[in-house]
C-alpha atoms as a PDB file:
ATOM      1  CA  MET A   1     105.481   1.288 -66.549  1.00  0.00           C
ATOM      2  CA  ASP A   2     103.557   0.929 -69.295  1.00  0.00           C
ATOM      3  CA  ILE A   3     106.353   2.140 -72.477  1.00  0.00           C
ATOM      4  CA  SER A   4     104.781   0.622 -75.401  1.00  0.00           C
ATOM      5  CA  ASN A   5     103.253   3.609 -77.244  1.00  0.00           C
ATOM      6  CA  ARG A   6     107.112   4.862 -77.746  1.00  0.00           C
ATOM      7  CA  GLY A   7     106.541   4.423 -81.664  1.00  0.00           C
ATOM      8  CA  ARG A   8     108.406   4.234 -84.556  1.00  0.00           C
ATOM      9  CA  SER A   9     110.015   7.096 -83.791  1.00  0.00           C
ATOM     10  CA  ARG A  10     112.321   5.750 -80.923  1.00  0.00           C
ATOM     11  CA  LYS A  11     113.401   2.883 -83.449  1.00  0.00           C
ATOM     12  CA  VAL A  12     114.275   5.583 -86.307  1.00  0.00           C
ATOM     13  CA  SER A  13     116.217   7.334 -83.969  1.00  0.00           C
ATOM     14  CA  ALA A  14     117.779   4.487 -82.752  1.00  0.00           C
ATOM     15  CA  ALA A  15     118.939   3.323 -85.996  1.00  0.00           C
ATOM     16  CA  CYS A  16     120.404   6.805 -86.958  1.00  0.00           C
ATOM     17  CA  ARG A  17     122.298   6.668 -83.766  1.00  0.00           C
ATOM     18  CA  LEU A  18     123.632   3.080 -84.398  1.00  0.00           C
ATOM     19  CA  ALA A  19     124.697   4.333 -87.779  1.00  0.00           C
ATOM     20  CA  ALA A  20     126.587   7.191 -86.056  1.00  0.00           C
ATOM     21  CA  VAL A  21     128.102   4.933 -83.569  1.00  0.00           C
ATOM     22  CA  GLY A  22     128.873   1.936 -85.458  1.00  0.00           C
ATOM     23  CA  MET A  23     130.310   3.196 -88.865  1.00  0.00           C
ATOM     24  CA  LEU A  24     132.389   5.943 -90.196  1.00  0.00           C
ATOM     25  CA  VAL A  25     132.470   7.451 -93.520  1.00  0.00           C
ATOM     26  CA  VAL A  26     135.298   7.632 -95.486  1.00  0.00           C
ATOM     27  CA  GLY A  27     135.639   8.898 -99.229  1.00  0.00           C
ATOM     28  CA  GLY A  28     132.381   8.150 -99.471  1.00  0.00           C
ATOM     29  CA  GLY A  29     132.251   4.446 -98.289  1.00  0.00           C
ATOM     30  CA  ALA A  30     131.583   3.076 -95.117  1.00  0.00           C
ATOM     31  CA  VAL A  31     133.761   1.120 -92.935  1.00  0.00           C
ATOM     32  CA  ALA A  32     133.615  -0.287 -89.363  1.00  0.00           C
ATOM     33  CA  ALA A  33     134.658   2.072 -86.448  1.00  0.00           C
ATOM     34  CA  VAL A  34     137.939   1.339 -84.679  1.00  0.00           C
ATOM     35  CA  VAL A  35     137.236   1.019 -81.392  1.00  0.00           C
ATOM     36  CA  PRO A  36     140.359   0.687 -78.900  1.00  0.00           C
ATOM     37  CA  ALA A  37     140.625  -2.067 -76.600  1.00  0.00           C
ATOM     38  CA  ALA A  38     140.027  -1.859 -73.054  1.00  0.00           C
ATOM     39  CA  ALA A  39     140.564  -3.375 -70.038  1.00  0.00           C
ATOM     40  CA  ASP A  40     137.853  -6.104 -69.001  1.00  0.00           C
ATOM     41  CA  PRO A  41     135.009  -4.801 -67.403  1.00  0.00           C
ATOM     42  CA  VAL A  42     134.016  -5.666 -64.079  1.00  0.00           C
ATOM     43  CA  LEU A  43     130.306  -7.045 -64.673  1.00  0.00           C
ATOM     44  CA  PRO A  44     127.567  -7.199 -61.880  1.00  0.00           C
ATOM     45  CA  THR A  45     126.296 -10.128 -60.107  1.00  0.00           C
ATOM     46  CA  ILE A  46     122.971 -10.299 -61.393  1.00  0.00           C
ATOM     47  CA  ASN A  47     119.963 -12.690 -59.741  1.00  0.00           C
ATOM     48  CA  PRO A  48     120.603 -16.292 -61.623  1.00  0.00           C
ATOM     49  CA  ARG A  49     116.970 -16.262 -62.165  1.00  0.00           C
ATOM     50  CA  THR A  50     118.204 -14.462 -65.083  1.00  0.00           C
ATOM     51  CA  SER A  51     120.407 -15.314 -68.181  1.00  0.00           C
ATOM     52  CA  ILE A  52     121.775 -13.201 -70.617  1.00  0.00           C
ATOM     53  CA  ALA A  53     124.034 -13.350 -73.814  1.00  0.00           C
ATOM     54  CA  VAL A  54     124.868 -10.429 -76.143  1.00  0.00           C
ATOM     55  CA  ASN A  55     126.899 -10.108 -79.211  1.00  0.00           C
ATOM     56  CA  SER A  56     128.656  -7.039 -81.189  1.00  0.00           C
ATOM     57  CA  PRO A  57     131.571  -6.542 -82.994  1.00  0.00           C
ATOM     58  CA  ILE A  58     133.720  -6.010 -80.317  1.00  0.00           C
ATOM     59  CA  TYR A  59     132.162  -7.742 -77.510  1.00  0.00           C
ATOM     60  CA  ASN A  60     130.261 -11.443 -77.469  1.00  0.00           C
ATOM     61  CA  GLY A  61     129.576 -12.822 -73.993  1.00  0.00           C
ATOM     62  CA  GLY A  62     126.983 -12.880 -71.441  1.00  0.00           C
ATOM     63  CA  THR A  63     126.240 -14.050 -67.583  1.00  0.00           C
ATOM     64  CA  ALA A  64     127.401 -17.042 -66.482  1.00  0.00           C
ATOM     65  CA  ASN A  65     124.274 -18.984 -67.386  1.00  0.00           C
ATOM     66  CA  ALA A  66     123.890 -17.548 -71.012  1.00  0.00           C
ATOM     67  CA  GLY A  67     124.296 -21.050 -72.415  1.00  0.00           C
ATOM     68  CA  GLU A  68     121.583 -22.998 -69.695  1.00  0.00           C
ATOM     69  CA  THR A  69     119.044 -24.308 -71.415  1.00  0.00           C
ATOM     70  CA  ARG A  70     115.792 -22.965 -70.641  1.00  0.00           C
ATOM     71  CA  PRO A  71     111.984 -22.948 -71.533  1.00  0.00           C
ATOM     72  CA  GLY A  72     112.093 -21.563 -75.096  1.00  0.00           C
ATOM     73  CA  LEU A  73     108.530 -19.735 -74.745  1.00  0.00           C
ATOM     74  CA  SER A  74     107.834 -17.823 -78.215  1.00  0.00           C
ATOM     75  CA  ILE A  75     111.469 -17.233 -78.933  1.00  0.00           C
ATOM     76  CA  VAL A  76     111.297 -20.486 -80.484  1.00  0.00           C
ATOM     77  CA  LYS A  77     108.868 -19.150 -83.122  1.00  0.00           C
ATOM     78  CA  LEU A  78     112.108 -17.364 -84.824  1.00  0.00           C
ATOM     79  CA  TYR A  79     113.265 -20.569 -85.336  1.00  0.00           C
ATOM     80  CA  ILE A  80     110.074 -22.064 -87.023  1.00  0.00           C
ATOM     81  CA  VAL A  81     109.970 -19.285 -89.162  1.00  0.00           C
ATOM     82  CA  ASP A  82     113.097 -19.200 -90.378  1.00  0.00           C
ATOM     83  CA  TYR A  83     112.604 -23.024 -91.553  1.00  0.00           C
ATOM     84  CA  ALA A  84     109.446 -21.815 -93.154  1.00  0.00           C
ATOM     85  CA  LEU A  85     110.957 -18.929 -94.793  1.00  0.00           C
ATOM     86  CA  ARG A  86     113.933 -20.523 -96.320  1.00  0.00           C
ATOM     87  CA  HIS A  87     112.920 -24.071 -96.662  1.00  0.00           C
ATOM     88  CA  GLY A  88     109.659 -24.002 -97.017  1.00  0.00           C
ATOM     89  CA  ASP A  89     107.031 -24.437 -99.873  1.00  0.00           C
ATOM     90  CA  GLY A  90     107.281 -20.757-100.403  1.00  0.00           C
ATOM     91  CA  SER A  91     103.562 -19.801-100.148  1.00  0.00           C
ATOM     92  CA  ASP A  92     102.155 -16.906 -99.442  1.00  0.00           C
ATOM     93  CA  SER A  93     100.131 -18.806 -96.570  1.00  0.00           C
ATOM     94  CA  ASP A  94     103.708 -19.514 -95.145  1.00  0.00           C
ATOM     95  CA  ARG A  95     104.531 -15.925 -95.191  1.00  0.00           C
ATOM     96  CA  ALA A  96     101.332 -14.913 -93.751  1.00  0.00           C
ATOM     97  CA  LEU A  97     101.746 -17.123 -90.773  1.00  0.00           C
ATOM     98  CA  SER A  98     105.208 -16.681 -90.194  1.00  0.00           C
ATOM     99  CA  GLU A  99     104.704 -12.508 -89.900  1.00  0.00           C
ATOM    100  CA  ARG A 100     101.827 -12.977 -87.048  1.00  0.00           C
ATOM    101  CA  ALA A 101     104.141 -15.841 -85.253  1.00  0.00           C
ATOM    102  CA  VAL A 102     106.819 -13.200 -85.258  1.00  0.00           C
ATOM    103  CA  ARG A 103     104.956  -9.739 -84.759  1.00  0.00           C
ATOM    104  CA  ALA A 104     102.021 -10.779 -82.753  1.00  0.00           C
ATOM    105  CA  SER A 105     103.709 -13.622 -81.276  1.00  0.00           C
ATOM    106  CA  ASP A 106     100.684 -15.478 -82.378  1.00  0.00           C
ATOM    107  CA  ASP A 107     100.378 -19.102 -81.199  1.00  0.00           C
ATOM    108  CA  ALA A 108      98.246 -20.504 -83.719  1.00  0.00           C
ATOM    109  CA  ALA A 109     100.248 -19.466 -86.744  1.00  0.00           C
ATOM    110  CA  ALA A 110     103.270 -21.077 -84.915  1.00  0.00           C
ATOM    111  CA  ALA A 111     100.815 -24.009 -84.455  1.00  0.00           C
ATOM    112  CA  GLN A 112      99.926 -24.414 -88.261  1.00  0.00           C
ATOM    113  CA  LEU A 113     103.647 -23.879 -89.479  1.00  0.00           C
ATOM    114  CA  TYR A 114     104.847 -26.141 -86.926  1.00  0.00           C
ATOM    115  CA  ALA A 115     102.266 -29.230 -87.919  1.00  0.00           C
ATOM    116  CA  LYS A 116     103.629 -28.401 -91.615  1.00  0.00           C
ATOM    117  CA  TYR A 117     106.864 -28.572 -90.643  1.00  0.00           C
ATOM    118  CA  PRO A 118     107.703 -30.696 -87.370  1.00  0.00           C
ATOM    119  CA  ASP A 119     111.431 -30.554 -87.275  1.00  0.00           C
ATOM    120  CA  SER A 120     112.057 -26.884 -88.119  1.00  0.00           C
ATOM    121  CA  ILE A 121     112.955 -26.044 -84.845  1.00  0.00           C
ATOM    122  CA  ASN A 122     115.459 -28.928 -84.463  1.00  0.00           C
ATOM    123  CA  ALA A 123     116.759 -28.483 -88.320  1.00  0.00           C
ATOM    124  CA  THR A 124     117.568 -24.986 -87.441  1.00  0.00           C
ATOM    125  CA  ALA A 125     119.477 -25.910 -84.310  1.00  0.00           C
ATOM    126  CA  ARG A 126     121.420 -27.896 -86.470  1.00  0.00           C
ATOM    127  CA  GLU A 127     122.200 -25.261 -89.005  1.00  0.00           C
ATOM    128  CA  TYR A 128     123.067 -22.606 -86.965  1.00  0.00           C
ATOM    129  CA  GLY A 129     124.773 -24.896 -84.509  1.00  0.00           C
ATOM    130  CA  LEU A 130     122.357 -24.118 -81.480  1.00  0.00           C
ATOM    131  CA  SER A 131     123.460 -26.673 -78.691  1.00  0.00           C
ATOM    132  CA  SER A 132     120.836 -25.705 -76.255  1.00  0.00           C
ATOM    133  CA  THR A 133     117.885 -25.852 -78.258  1.00  0.00           C
ATOM    134  CA  ASP A 134     115.623 -29.015 -78.689  1.00  0.00           C
ATOM    135  CA  GLY A 135     112.386 -29.206 -80.666  1.00  0.00           C
ATOM    136  CA  HIS A 136     109.348 -30.742 -78.317  1.00  0.00           C
ATOM    137  CA  ALA A 137     106.569 -32.693 -80.423  1.00  0.00           C
ATOM    138  CA  ASP A 138     104.498 -29.129 -78.855  1.00  0.00           C
ATOM    139  CA  TRP A 139     106.606 -26.343 -80.148  1.00  0.00           C
ATOM    140  CA  GLY A 140     105.653 -24.778 -76.470  1.00  0.00           C
ATOM    141  CA  TYR A 141     107.600 -27.089 -74.708  1.00  0.00           C
ATOM    142  CA  SER A 142     110.464 -26.640 -76.910  1.00  0.00           C
ATOM    143  CA  THR A 143     113.974 -25.593 -75.112  1.00  0.00           C
ATOM    144  CA  THR A 144     116.484 -22.773 -75.851  1.00  0.00           C
ATOM    145  CA  SER A 145     119.018 -20.643 -74.269  1.00  0.00           C
ATOM    146  CA  ALA A 146     119.538 -16.959 -74.667  1.00  0.00           C
ATOM    147  CA  ALA A 147     123.171 -17.648 -75.915  1.00  0.00           C
ATOM    148  CA  ASP A 148     121.543 -19.772 -79.008  1.00  0.00           C
ATOM    149  CA  ALA A 149     118.822 -16.758 -79.559  1.00  0.00           C
ATOM    150  CA  ALA A 150     121.638 -14.706 -79.317  1.00  0.00           C
ATOM    151  CA  SER A 151     123.735 -16.754 -81.627  1.00  0.00           C
ATOM    152  CA  PHE A 152     121.010 -17.069 -84.084  1.00  0.00           C
ATOM    153  CA  LEU A 153     120.119 -13.220 -84.621  1.00  0.00           C
ATOM    154  CA  ARG A 154     123.716 -12.751 -85.222  1.00  0.00           C
ATOM    155  CA  ALA A 155     123.789 -15.128 -87.847  1.00  0.00           C
ATOM    156  CA  LYS A 156     120.701 -13.633 -88.996  1.00  0.00           C
ATOM    157  CA  GLN A 157     122.396  -9.804 -89.230  1.00  0.00           C
ATOM    158  CA  LEU A 158     125.566 -10.931 -90.822  1.00  0.00           C
ATOM    159  CA  ARG A 159     124.456 -13.546 -93.280  1.00  0.00           C
ATOM    160  CA  ASP A 160     120.801 -12.385 -94.291  1.00  0.00           C
ATOM    161  CA  PRO A 161     120.673  -9.022 -92.904  1.00  0.00           C
ATOM    162  CA  SER A 162     117.334  -8.920 -95.551  1.00  0.00           C
ATOM    163  CA  SER A 163     115.468 -11.492 -93.760  1.00  0.00           C
ATOM    164  CA  PRO A 164     111.943 -10.535 -92.748  1.00  0.00           C
ATOM    165  CA  ILE A 165     112.359 -11.950 -89.821  1.00  0.00           C
ATOM    166  CA  LEU A 166     114.315  -8.941 -88.797  1.00  0.00           C
ATOM    167  CA  HIS A 167     112.074  -6.505 -90.033  1.00  0.00           C
ATOM    168  CA  TRP A 168     109.292  -7.839 -88.468  1.00  0.00           C
ATOM    169  CA  MET A 169     110.931  -7.766 -85.077  1.00  0.00           C
ATOM    170  CA  GLU A 170     111.630  -4.082 -85.800  1.00  0.00           C
ATOM    171  CA  THR A 171     107.575  -3.914 -86.526  1.00  0.00           C
ATOM    172  CA  ALA A 172     106.387  -5.844 -84.111  1.00  0.00           C
ATOM    173  CA  GLU A 173     103.143  -5.283 -82.389  1.00  0.00           C
ATOM    174  CA  PRO A 174     102.794  -3.413 -79.252  1.00  0.00           C
ATOM    175  CA  VAL A 175      99.998  -5.921 -78.322  1.00  0.00           C
ATOM    176  CA  ALA A 176     100.396  -9.616 -78.529  1.00  0.00           C
ATOM    177  CA  ALA A 177      97.494 -11.575 -80.299  1.00  0.00           C
ATOM    178  CA  ASP A 178      96.825 -12.900 -76.950  1.00  0.00           C
ATOM    179  CA  GLY A 179      96.585  -9.205 -75.258  1.00  0.00           C
ATOM    180  CA  THR A 180     100.036  -9.390 -73.780  1.00  0.00           C
ATOM    181  CA  ARG A 181     101.605  -5.981 -74.045  1.00  0.00           C
ATOM    182  CA  GLN A 182     105.080  -6.458 -75.704  1.00  0.00           C
ATOM    183  CA  ASN A 183     107.333  -3.833 -73.982  1.00  0.00           C
ATOM    184  CA  TRP A 184     109.593  -5.571 -71.565  1.00  0.00           C
ATOM    185  CA  GLY A 185     113.283  -6.697 -71.237  1.00  0.00           C
ATOM    186  CA  THR A 186     116.044  -6.119 -73.557  1.00  0.00           C
ATOM    187  CA  ASP A 187     113.613  -4.074 -75.909  1.00  0.00           C
ATOM    188  CA  ASN A 188     114.512  -1.096 -73.121  1.00  0.00           C
ATOM    189  CA  LEU A 189     118.293  -0.754 -73.958  1.00  0.00           C
ATOM    190  CA  PRO A 190     119.088   1.925 -75.977  1.00  0.00           C
ATOM    191  CA  PHE A 191     119.875   1.755 -79.957  1.00  0.00           C
ATOM    192  CA  VAL A 192     117.093  -1.134 -79.784  1.00  0.00           C
ATOM    193  CA  THR A 193     115.665  -1.057 -83.181  1.00  0.00           C
ATOM    194  CA  GLY A 194     113.301  -4.752 -83.031  1.00  0.00           C
ATOM    195  CA  THR A 195     112.355  -7.034 -80.267  1.00  0.00           C
ATOM    196  CA  LYS A 196     110.898 -10.693 -80.225  1.00  0.00           C
ATOM    197  CA  TRP A 197     109.250 -11.527 -76.480  1.00  0.00           C
ATOM    198  CA  GLY A 198     108.303 -14.814 -74.817  1.00  0.00           C
ATOM    199  CA  TRP A 199     106.414 -15.769 -71.924  1.00  0.00           C
ATOM    200  CA  SER A 200     104.777 -19.162 -70.107  1.00  0.00           C
ATOM    201  CA  ASP A 201     100.919 -19.469 -70.141  1.00  0.00           C
ATOM    202  CA  GLU A 202     100.998 -21.978 -67.733  1.00  0.00           C
ATOM    203  CA  GLY A 203     102.842 -22.406 -64.274  1.00  0.00           C
ATOM    204  CA  PRO A 204     105.498 -20.314 -62.777  1.00  0.00           C
ATOM    205  CA  SER A 205     106.125 -17.036 -64.767  1.00  0.00           C
ATOM    206  CA  VAL A 206     108.966 -17.099 -67.252  1.00  0.00           C
ATOM    207  CA  VAL A 207     109.527 -14.471 -69.732  1.00  0.00           C
ATOM    208  CA  ALA A 208     112.370 -14.131 -72.392  1.00  0.00           C
ATOM    209  CA  SER A 209     113.048 -11.063 -74.590  1.00  0.00           C
ATOM    210  CA  ALA A 210     115.465 -10.734 -77.984  1.00  0.00           C
ATOM    211  CA  SER A 211     116.537  -7.920 -79.379  1.00  0.00           C
ATOM    212  CA  VAL A 212     118.738  -6.483 -81.950  1.00  0.00           C
ATOM    213  CA  GLY A 213     120.232  -3.293 -82.700  1.00  0.00           C
ATOM    214  CA  GLY A 214     120.141  -2.588 -86.423  1.00  0.00           C
ATOM    215  CA  SER A 215     123.095  -4.674 -87.641  1.00  0.00           C
ATOM    216  CA  LEU A 216     125.392  -3.854 -84.751  1.00  0.00           C
ATOM    217  CA  PHE A 217     124.506  -5.950 -81.743  1.00  0.00           C
ATOM    218  CA  ASN A 218     121.974  -8.416 -80.365  1.00  0.00           C
ATOM    219  CA  VAL A 219     120.967  -9.376 -76.855  1.00  0.00           C
ATOM    220  CA  ALA A 220     118.739 -11.819 -75.539  1.00  0.00           C
ATOM    221  CA  ALA A 221     117.549 -12.365 -71.944  1.00  0.00           C
ATOM    222  CA  VAL A 222     115.305 -15.467 -70.242  1.00  0.00           C
ATOM    223  CA  THR A 223     113.932 -15.007 -66.466  1.00  0.00           C
ATOM    224  CA  TYR A 224     112.014 -17.337 -64.391  1.00  0.00           C
ATOM    225  CA  GLY A 225     110.184 -14.611 -63.121  1.00  0.00           C
ATOM    226  CA  THR A 226     108.344 -11.598 -64.309  1.00  0.00           C
ATOM    227  CA  ALA A 227     108.597  -9.357 -66.948  1.00  0.00           C
ATOM    228  CA  GLY A 228     109.590  -6.370 -64.499  1.00  0.00           C
ATOM    229  CA  GLU A 229     111.920  -8.586 -63.050  1.00  0.00           C
ATOM    230  CA  GLN A 230     113.691  -9.263 -66.193  1.00  0.00           C
ATOM    231  CA  THR A 231     113.464  -5.640 -67.023  1.00  0.00           C
ATOM    232  CA  GLY A 232     115.255  -4.544 -63.897  1.00  0.00           C
ATOM    233  CA  ASP A 233     117.999  -7.413 -64.156  1.00  0.00           C
ATOM    234  CA  VAL A 234     118.863  -6.330 -68.059  1.00  0.00           C
ATOM    235  CA  MET A 235     119.127  -3.002 -67.206  1.00  0.00           C
ATOM    236  CA  ALA A 236     121.122  -3.615 -64.356  1.00  0.00           C
ATOM    237  CA  TYR A 237     123.430  -5.721 -66.314  1.00  0.00           C
ATOM    238  CA  LEU A 238     123.638  -4.604 -69.837  1.00  0.00           C
ATOM    239  CA  PRO A 239     124.652  -1.005 -69.656  1.00  0.00           C
ATOM    240  CA  THR A 240     128.013  -2.526 -68.075  1.00  0.00           C
ATOM    241  CA  VAL A 241     129.005  -4.313 -71.126  1.00  0.00           C
ATOM    242  CA  PRO A 242     131.247  -2.644 -73.754  1.00  0.00           C
ATOM    243  CA  ALA A 243     129.067  -3.896 -76.570  1.00  0.00           C
ATOM    244  CA  VAL A 244     127.925  -0.708 -77.779  1.00  0.00           C
ATOM    245  CA  PRO A 245     128.536   2.909 -75.679  1.00  0.00           C
ATOM    246  CA  TRP A 246     125.398   2.626 -74.261  1.00  0.00           C
ATOM    247  CA  ASP A 247     125.389   5.836 -72.429  1.00  0.00           C
ATOM    248  CA  ALA A 248     125.611   7.902 -75.910  1.00  0.00           C
ATOM    249  CA  PRO A 249     122.593  10.134 -75.959  1.00  0.00           C
ATOM    250  CA  LEU A 250     119.368   9.046 -77.340  1.00  0.00           C
ATOM    251  CA  SER A 251     116.470  10.310 -78.229  1.00  0.00           C
ATOM    252  CA  ARG A 252     113.152   8.789 -77.190  1.00  0.00           C
END
């Protein structure tokens, strides 16, 4: 199903719903909503081809293989870009390349940044404690995990909420620089406001997606399989995880 034209209206609606779900307004000030404790959910067993990690104020977890080292694909562009923006030379060209690398998943833009900052993936892994992440001489062969991607995004949400990375994920291009439609996986969950995707260009199909739901939650998935298979696995697993009330009404 082609869902690439949902448009900004869905993102705005999701953001508004998140504000209602995640916050209470008391005396003119916003405070975090108190969520009653609940029994541990019985989570479904999904095909181990997919690893999933999710973080929110009330839940941090995922599939048993969430920390498994897997191909980093274009998810590692987030690590390259974070380094370039925060530790680079501050040039306009770095920022322009960073935006292309995130919004359009432009391989050429990522390659230019990585050539300039060859330790960027490993430096980001050290800074954020991403234990399954390892930079390769060719960025495209680097590795990470669903858990690492989710941990990185949670750090951005909590410590650097004004990061351009989050904004660029929220304004991702419907079609990537290489013509791939960016519309699968975690992006299909309720309340998602921004996503970064990744996919293999050679060999067996491997796909990834990592999404944020405003400042409230994030989720990442890596699949040894197709985009459709990842979407099916994510939608079978995540709505059972008590990270947010997934079944709340959402206008799309």
